N, C-alpha and C. Protein backbone atom coordinates (compact mmCIF):
# COMPACT_ATOMS: atom_id res chain seq x y z
N MET A 1 -53.53 -60.09 45.12
CA MET A 1 -53.71 -61.53 45.06
C MET A 1 -52.43 -62.19 44.54
N LEU A 2 -51.97 -63.18 45.25
CA LEU A 2 -50.77 -63.91 44.85
C LEU A 2 -51.07 -64.79 43.65
N GLN A 3 -50.08 -64.89 42.76
CA GLN A 3 -50.22 -65.68 41.55
C GLN A 3 -49.24 -66.85 41.57
N GLU A 4 -49.61 -67.92 40.90
CA GLU A 4 -48.67 -69.01 40.69
C GLU A 4 -47.86 -68.70 39.44
N ILE A 5 -46.65 -69.21 39.40
CA ILE A 5 -45.79 -69.01 38.23
C ILE A 5 -46.15 -70.08 37.20
N LYS A 6 -46.87 -69.64 36.17
CA LYS A 6 -47.29 -70.56 35.12
C LYS A 6 -46.90 -70.08 33.73
N THR A 7 -46.68 -68.77 33.59
CA THR A 7 -46.42 -68.21 32.27
C THR A 7 -45.31 -67.17 32.34
N LEU A 8 -44.90 -66.73 31.20
CA LEU A 8 -43.89 -65.68 31.11
C LEU A 8 -44.36 -64.40 31.79
N ASP A 9 -45.65 -64.16 31.82
CA ASP A 9 -46.16 -62.95 32.49
C ASP A 9 -45.81 -62.94 33.98
N GLN A 10 -45.89 -64.09 34.64
CA GLN A 10 -45.53 -64.14 36.06
C GLN A 10 -44.01 -63.99 36.24
N ILE A 11 -43.25 -64.53 35.30
CA ILE A 11 -41.79 -64.34 35.33
C ILE A 11 -41.46 -62.85 35.22
N LYS A 12 -42.12 -62.17 34.28
CA LYS A 12 -41.88 -60.74 34.10
C LYS A 12 -42.28 -59.95 35.34
N LEU A 13 -43.38 -60.32 35.96
CA LEU A 13 -43.80 -59.68 37.20
C LEU A 13 -42.70 -59.81 38.26
N LEU A 14 -42.19 -61.02 38.43
CA LEU A 14 -41.14 -61.27 39.40
C LEU A 14 -39.89 -60.45 39.09
N VAL A 15 -39.41 -60.54 37.88
CA VAL A 15 -38.17 -59.87 37.49
C VAL A 15 -38.32 -58.35 37.61
N ASP A 16 -39.40 -57.81 37.08
CA ASP A 16 -39.58 -56.36 37.12
C ASP A 16 -39.68 -55.84 38.55
N ALA A 17 -40.48 -56.51 39.37
CA ALA A 17 -40.64 -56.07 40.77
C ALA A 17 -39.34 -56.22 41.54
N PHE A 18 -38.60 -57.29 41.28
CA PHE A 18 -37.33 -57.50 41.96
C PHE A 18 -36.33 -56.40 41.61
N TYR A 19 -36.20 -56.08 40.33
CA TYR A 19 -35.20 -55.08 39.95
C TYR A 19 -35.59 -53.67 40.33
N VAL A 20 -36.86 -53.40 40.55
CA VAL A 20 -37.24 -52.12 41.15
C VAL A 20 -36.63 -52.04 42.54
N LYS A 21 -36.75 -53.11 43.32
CA LYS A 21 -36.17 -53.15 44.67
C LYS A 21 -34.64 -53.02 44.62
N VAL A 22 -34.02 -53.74 43.70
CA VAL A 22 -32.56 -53.71 43.59
C VAL A 22 -32.08 -52.30 43.26
N ARG A 23 -32.71 -51.66 42.30
CA ARG A 23 -32.28 -50.33 41.88
C ARG A 23 -32.45 -49.30 42.98
N GLU A 24 -33.42 -49.50 43.86
CA GLU A 24 -33.66 -48.57 44.97
C GLU A 24 -32.81 -48.89 46.19
N ASP A 25 -32.18 -50.04 46.21
CA ASP A 25 -31.42 -50.47 47.39
C ASP A 25 -30.09 -49.73 47.47
N GLU A 26 -29.78 -49.23 48.67
CA GLU A 26 -28.57 -48.42 48.84
C GLU A 26 -27.29 -49.22 48.69
N LEU A 27 -27.32 -50.53 48.97
CA LEU A 27 -26.13 -51.36 48.82
C LEU A 27 -25.97 -51.88 47.39
N LEU A 28 -27.05 -52.40 46.83
CA LEU A 28 -26.98 -53.03 45.51
C LEU A 28 -27.17 -52.06 44.35
N GLY A 29 -28.04 -51.08 44.53
CA GLY A 29 -28.38 -50.17 43.45
C GLY A 29 -27.19 -49.55 42.75
N PRO A 30 -26.24 -48.96 43.48
CA PRO A 30 -25.10 -48.32 42.80
C PRO A 30 -24.26 -49.29 41.96
N ILE A 31 -24.12 -50.52 42.42
CA ILE A 31 -23.34 -51.51 41.65
C ILE A 31 -24.06 -51.84 40.35
N PHE A 32 -25.35 -52.12 40.44
CA PHE A 32 -26.11 -52.44 39.24
C PHE A 32 -26.13 -51.26 38.26
N GLU A 33 -26.34 -50.07 38.78
CA GLU A 33 -26.40 -48.89 37.91
C GLU A 33 -25.06 -48.66 37.20
N ARG A 34 -23.96 -48.86 37.93
CA ARG A 34 -22.65 -48.64 37.33
C ARG A 34 -22.37 -49.67 36.22
N VAL A 35 -22.77 -50.90 36.44
CA VAL A 35 -22.49 -51.95 35.47
C VAL A 35 -23.49 -51.92 34.31
N ILE A 36 -24.76 -51.79 34.60
CA ILE A 36 -25.79 -51.89 33.56
C ILE A 36 -25.99 -50.57 32.82
N GLN A 37 -25.87 -49.47 33.53
CA GLN A 37 -26.02 -48.13 32.96
C GLN A 37 -27.37 -47.99 32.25
N ASP A 38 -27.34 -47.74 30.96
CA ASP A 38 -28.59 -47.52 30.21
C ASP A 38 -29.08 -48.78 29.51
N ARG A 39 -28.54 -49.93 29.88
CA ARG A 39 -28.91 -51.18 29.21
C ARG A 39 -29.93 -51.99 30.02
N TRP A 40 -30.78 -51.33 30.81
CA TRP A 40 -31.76 -52.04 31.63
C TRP A 40 -32.74 -52.88 30.81
N PRO A 41 -33.29 -52.37 29.71
CA PRO A 41 -34.21 -53.23 28.94
C PRO A 41 -33.54 -54.54 28.49
N GLU A 42 -32.30 -54.45 28.06
CA GLU A 42 -31.55 -55.64 27.64
C GLU A 42 -31.34 -56.59 28.82
N HIS A 43 -30.97 -56.04 29.97
CA HIS A 43 -30.75 -56.87 31.16
C HIS A 43 -32.04 -57.56 31.60
N LEU A 44 -33.13 -56.82 31.62
CA LEU A 44 -34.41 -57.41 32.03
C LEU A 44 -34.83 -58.52 31.08
N GLU A 45 -34.66 -58.30 29.79
CA GLU A 45 -35.00 -59.35 28.81
C GLU A 45 -34.19 -60.61 29.07
N LYS A 46 -32.91 -60.44 29.36
CA LYS A 46 -32.05 -61.59 29.66
C LYS A 46 -32.54 -62.31 30.92
N MET A 47 -32.95 -61.55 31.91
CA MET A 47 -33.44 -62.16 33.15
C MET A 47 -34.78 -62.86 32.94
N TYR A 48 -35.64 -62.30 32.08
CA TYR A 48 -36.88 -63.00 31.75
C TYR A 48 -36.55 -64.37 31.17
N ARG A 49 -35.63 -64.39 30.20
CA ARG A 49 -35.28 -65.65 29.54
C ARG A 49 -34.63 -66.63 30.52
N PHE A 50 -33.77 -66.11 31.40
CA PHE A 50 -33.10 -66.96 32.39
C PHE A 50 -34.13 -67.68 33.27
N TRP A 51 -35.03 -66.90 33.88
CA TRP A 51 -36.01 -67.50 34.79
C TRP A 51 -37.06 -68.30 34.04
N GLN A 52 -37.38 -67.95 32.81
CA GLN A 52 -38.30 -68.74 31.99
C GLN A 52 -37.70 -70.12 31.74
N THR A 53 -36.41 -70.16 31.46
CA THR A 53 -35.73 -71.43 31.23
C THR A 53 -35.73 -72.27 32.49
N ILE A 54 -35.41 -71.67 33.62
CA ILE A 54 -35.30 -72.41 34.88
C ILE A 54 -36.66 -72.85 35.43
N LEU A 55 -37.60 -71.93 35.49
CA LEU A 55 -38.87 -72.23 36.17
C LEU A 55 -39.94 -72.83 35.27
N LEU A 56 -39.95 -72.45 34.01
CA LEU A 56 -40.98 -72.96 33.11
C LEU A 56 -40.47 -74.06 32.18
N GLU A 57 -39.15 -74.29 32.24
CA GLU A 57 -38.50 -75.28 31.38
C GLU A 57 -38.75 -75.00 29.90
N GLU A 58 -38.81 -73.72 29.57
CA GLU A 58 -38.90 -73.27 28.18
C GLU A 58 -37.54 -72.67 27.86
N HIS A 59 -36.74 -73.38 27.12
CA HIS A 59 -35.33 -73.04 26.95
C HIS A 59 -35.13 -71.85 26.01
N THR A 60 -35.11 -70.67 26.63
CA THR A 60 -34.92 -69.43 25.88
C THR A 60 -33.65 -68.70 26.29
N TYR A 61 -32.99 -69.16 27.35
CA TYR A 61 -31.75 -68.53 27.83
C TYR A 61 -30.58 -69.41 27.43
N PHE A 62 -29.58 -68.77 26.85
CA PHE A 62 -28.35 -69.47 26.49
C PHE A 62 -27.20 -68.60 26.98
N GLY A 63 -26.31 -69.19 27.70
CA GLY A 63 -25.19 -68.43 28.20
C GLY A 63 -24.73 -68.97 29.53
N SER A 64 -23.78 -68.26 30.10
CA SER A 64 -23.22 -68.62 31.39
C SER A 64 -23.47 -67.48 32.36
N PRO A 65 -24.34 -67.69 33.34
CA PRO A 65 -24.71 -66.57 34.20
C PRO A 65 -23.59 -66.08 35.12
N PHE A 66 -22.60 -66.91 35.42
CA PHE A 66 -21.56 -66.47 36.36
C PHE A 66 -20.64 -65.40 35.77
N GLY A 67 -20.29 -65.53 34.52
CA GLY A 67 -19.32 -64.65 33.90
C GLY A 67 -19.49 -63.17 34.18
N PRO A 68 -20.67 -62.61 33.96
CA PRO A 68 -20.84 -61.17 34.21
C PRO A 68 -20.68 -60.76 35.67
N HIS A 69 -20.72 -61.72 36.57
CA HIS A 69 -20.63 -61.41 38.00
C HIS A 69 -19.23 -61.64 38.57
N ALA A 70 -18.37 -62.32 37.82
CA ALA A 70 -17.10 -62.81 38.32
C ALA A 70 -16.20 -61.72 38.91
N ASN A 71 -16.22 -60.54 38.33
CA ASN A 71 -15.30 -59.49 38.78
C ASN A 71 -16.00 -58.31 39.44
N LEU A 72 -17.23 -58.52 39.88
CA LEU A 72 -17.94 -57.43 40.54
C LEU A 72 -17.38 -57.18 41.94
N PRO A 73 -17.42 -55.94 42.40
CA PRO A 73 -16.94 -55.62 43.74
C PRO A 73 -18.01 -55.94 44.79
N VAL A 74 -18.24 -57.22 44.99
CA VAL A 74 -19.30 -57.65 45.90
C VAL A 74 -18.75 -58.61 46.94
N SER A 75 -19.51 -58.72 48.04
CA SER A 75 -19.15 -59.60 49.15
C SER A 75 -20.39 -60.39 49.57
N LYS A 76 -20.22 -61.19 50.61
CA LYS A 76 -21.35 -61.96 51.13
C LYS A 76 -22.51 -61.05 51.51
N ALA A 77 -22.22 -59.86 52.04
CA ALA A 77 -23.28 -58.92 52.42
C ALA A 77 -24.15 -58.55 51.21
N HIS A 78 -23.53 -58.39 50.05
CA HIS A 78 -24.28 -58.06 48.84
C HIS A 78 -25.19 -59.23 48.44
N PHE A 79 -24.64 -60.43 48.49
CA PHE A 79 -25.44 -61.60 48.12
C PHE A 79 -26.56 -61.84 49.13
N ASP A 80 -26.29 -61.62 50.40
CA ASP A 80 -27.33 -61.77 51.42
C ASP A 80 -28.47 -60.78 51.16
N ARG A 81 -28.13 -59.55 50.82
CA ARG A 81 -29.16 -58.55 50.52
C ARG A 81 -29.93 -58.96 49.28
N TRP A 82 -29.23 -59.44 48.26
CA TRP A 82 -29.85 -59.86 47.00
C TRP A 82 -30.86 -60.98 47.29
N ILE A 83 -30.46 -61.97 48.08
CA ILE A 83 -31.36 -63.07 48.43
C ILE A 83 -32.57 -62.54 49.19
N ASN A 84 -32.34 -61.66 50.14
CA ASN A 84 -33.43 -61.11 50.94
C ASN A 84 -34.43 -60.38 50.05
N LEU A 85 -33.95 -59.54 49.15
CA LEU A 85 -34.85 -58.81 48.26
C LEU A 85 -35.59 -59.75 47.31
N PHE A 86 -34.91 -60.78 46.86
CA PHE A 86 -35.56 -61.75 45.96
C PHE A 86 -36.68 -62.47 46.70
N HIS A 87 -36.40 -62.94 47.89
CA HIS A 87 -37.43 -63.63 48.67
C HIS A 87 -38.61 -62.71 48.98
N GLN A 88 -38.32 -61.46 49.36
CA GLN A 88 -39.39 -60.49 49.62
C GLN A 88 -40.28 -60.33 48.39
N THR A 89 -39.65 -60.23 47.23
CA THR A 89 -40.39 -60.02 45.99
C THR A 89 -41.27 -61.22 45.67
N VAL A 90 -40.70 -62.40 45.76
CA VAL A 90 -41.49 -63.62 45.50
C VAL A 90 -42.67 -63.68 46.45
N ASP A 91 -42.41 -63.50 47.74
CA ASP A 91 -43.47 -63.62 48.74
C ASP A 91 -44.57 -62.57 48.58
N ALA A 92 -44.21 -61.42 48.04
CA ALA A 92 -45.20 -60.34 47.87
C ALA A 92 -46.11 -60.56 46.66
N HIS A 93 -45.64 -61.34 45.67
CA HIS A 93 -46.39 -61.44 44.41
C HIS A 93 -46.79 -62.86 44.00
N LEU A 94 -46.06 -63.85 44.50
CA LEU A 94 -46.21 -65.19 43.94
C LEU A 94 -46.43 -66.24 45.03
N THR A 95 -46.96 -67.37 44.62
CA THR A 95 -47.22 -68.47 45.53
C THR A 95 -47.03 -69.78 44.79
N GLY A 96 -46.98 -70.86 45.53
CA GLY A 96 -46.95 -72.18 44.91
C GLY A 96 -45.57 -72.78 44.82
N GLU A 97 -45.55 -73.97 44.23
CA GLU A 97 -44.33 -74.76 44.13
C GLU A 97 -43.24 -74.05 43.34
N LYS A 98 -43.58 -73.45 42.24
CA LYS A 98 -42.56 -72.77 41.43
C LYS A 98 -42.03 -71.51 42.12
N ALA A 99 -42.85 -70.86 42.91
CA ALA A 99 -42.38 -69.70 43.68
C ALA A 99 -41.35 -70.15 44.71
N GLU A 100 -41.65 -71.26 45.39
CA GLU A 100 -40.69 -71.80 46.36
C GLU A 100 -39.42 -72.27 45.66
N ASP A 101 -39.58 -72.86 44.49
CA ASP A 101 -38.43 -73.30 43.70
C ASP A 101 -37.58 -72.09 43.28
N ALA A 102 -38.22 -71.00 42.90
CA ALA A 102 -37.49 -69.80 42.52
C ALA A 102 -36.64 -69.30 43.68
N LYS A 103 -37.20 -69.27 44.88
CA LYS A 103 -36.44 -68.82 46.05
C LYS A 103 -35.28 -69.76 46.34
N TRP A 104 -35.51 -71.06 46.27
CA TRP A 104 -34.46 -72.03 46.53
C TRP A 104 -33.33 -71.89 45.51
N ARG A 105 -33.71 -71.80 44.24
CA ARG A 105 -32.69 -71.70 43.19
C ARG A 105 -31.91 -70.39 43.28
N ALA A 106 -32.59 -69.30 43.57
CA ALA A 106 -31.91 -68.01 43.70
C ALA A 106 -30.92 -68.05 44.86
N THR A 107 -31.34 -68.65 45.96
CA THR A 107 -30.45 -68.76 47.12
C THR A 107 -29.23 -69.59 46.78
N LYS A 108 -29.41 -70.72 46.16
CA LYS A 108 -28.29 -71.59 45.80
C LYS A 108 -27.36 -70.89 44.80
N MET A 109 -27.92 -70.19 43.85
CA MET A 109 -27.11 -69.48 42.86
C MET A 109 -26.29 -68.39 43.53
N ALA A 110 -26.89 -67.63 44.43
CA ALA A 110 -26.17 -66.56 45.13
C ALA A 110 -25.05 -67.15 45.99
N GLU A 111 -25.34 -68.23 46.68
CA GLU A 111 -24.31 -68.88 47.50
C GLU A 111 -23.16 -69.38 46.63
N LEU A 112 -23.47 -69.96 45.49
CA LEU A 112 -22.43 -70.46 44.59
C LEU A 112 -21.60 -69.31 44.02
N PHE A 113 -22.26 -68.27 43.55
CA PHE A 113 -21.54 -67.12 42.99
C PHE A 113 -20.63 -66.51 44.05
N ASN A 114 -21.13 -66.34 45.26
CA ASN A 114 -20.32 -65.76 46.33
C ASN A 114 -19.11 -66.65 46.62
N SER A 115 -19.34 -67.94 46.70
CA SER A 115 -18.26 -68.88 46.98
C SER A 115 -17.19 -68.82 45.89
N LYS A 116 -17.60 -68.79 44.64
CA LYS A 116 -16.64 -68.75 43.54
C LYS A 116 -15.87 -67.43 43.54
N ILE A 117 -16.54 -66.33 43.75
CA ILE A 117 -15.87 -65.03 43.77
C ILE A 117 -14.86 -64.99 44.91
N GLU A 118 -15.25 -65.46 46.10
CA GLU A 118 -14.32 -65.49 47.23
C GLU A 118 -13.12 -66.38 46.93
N TYR A 119 -13.35 -67.52 46.32
CA TYR A 119 -12.26 -68.43 45.98
C TYR A 119 -11.27 -67.76 45.04
N TYR A 120 -11.77 -67.13 44.00
CA TYR A 120 -10.88 -66.47 43.04
C TYR A 120 -10.08 -65.35 43.71
N ARG A 121 -10.72 -64.59 44.57
CA ARG A 121 -10.02 -63.50 45.27
C ARG A 121 -8.95 -64.03 46.23
N GLU A 122 -9.32 -65.00 47.02
CA GLU A 122 -8.39 -65.54 48.03
C GLU A 122 -7.19 -66.21 47.40
N ASN A 123 -7.36 -66.79 46.23
CA ASN A 123 -6.29 -67.51 45.57
C ASN A 123 -5.63 -66.73 44.45
N LEU A 124 -6.03 -65.48 44.32
CA LEU A 124 -5.48 -64.59 43.29
C LEU A 124 -5.50 -65.23 41.92
N ILE A 125 -6.62 -65.87 41.64
CA ILE A 125 -6.83 -66.54 40.35
C ILE A 125 -7.84 -65.73 39.55
N LYS A 126 -7.55 -65.58 38.28
CA LYS A 126 -8.49 -64.90 37.40
C LYS A 126 -9.58 -65.89 36.98
N PRO A 127 -10.85 -65.50 37.14
CA PRO A 127 -11.94 -66.43 36.73
C PRO A 127 -11.93 -66.70 35.24
N ILE A 128 -12.25 -67.92 34.89
CA ILE A 128 -12.44 -68.27 33.48
C ILE A 128 -13.89 -67.94 33.15
N ILE A 129 -14.06 -66.99 32.25
CA ILE A 129 -15.43 -66.60 31.88
C ILE A 129 -15.62 -66.64 30.39
């Protein structure tokens, strides 16, 4: 049964299910494993707070999400896969306005991150993080 995003429990469902897919993905999994290593509980907690802040407007995340991604060895193909897995996860577990908002925001964030990373690479500029 699909759930609406109303509480932190639905955020945790989304984040946990999404990162299971990411870790199993042949394109994304190795990058995440290399960067996160044994710090998965810490990463998941940060993602809970990030999405709780965005979708529930409960301000528990503080920081700049782009910084940790600025120097990753990723391309548009990686972001496209990330968006696809995120949308699959939302559609499999969640419904309603906030679920659609989550997909829209994730897509926009991935597009922005990809654009910034490409800009820095093409112009041989080091990102300010």
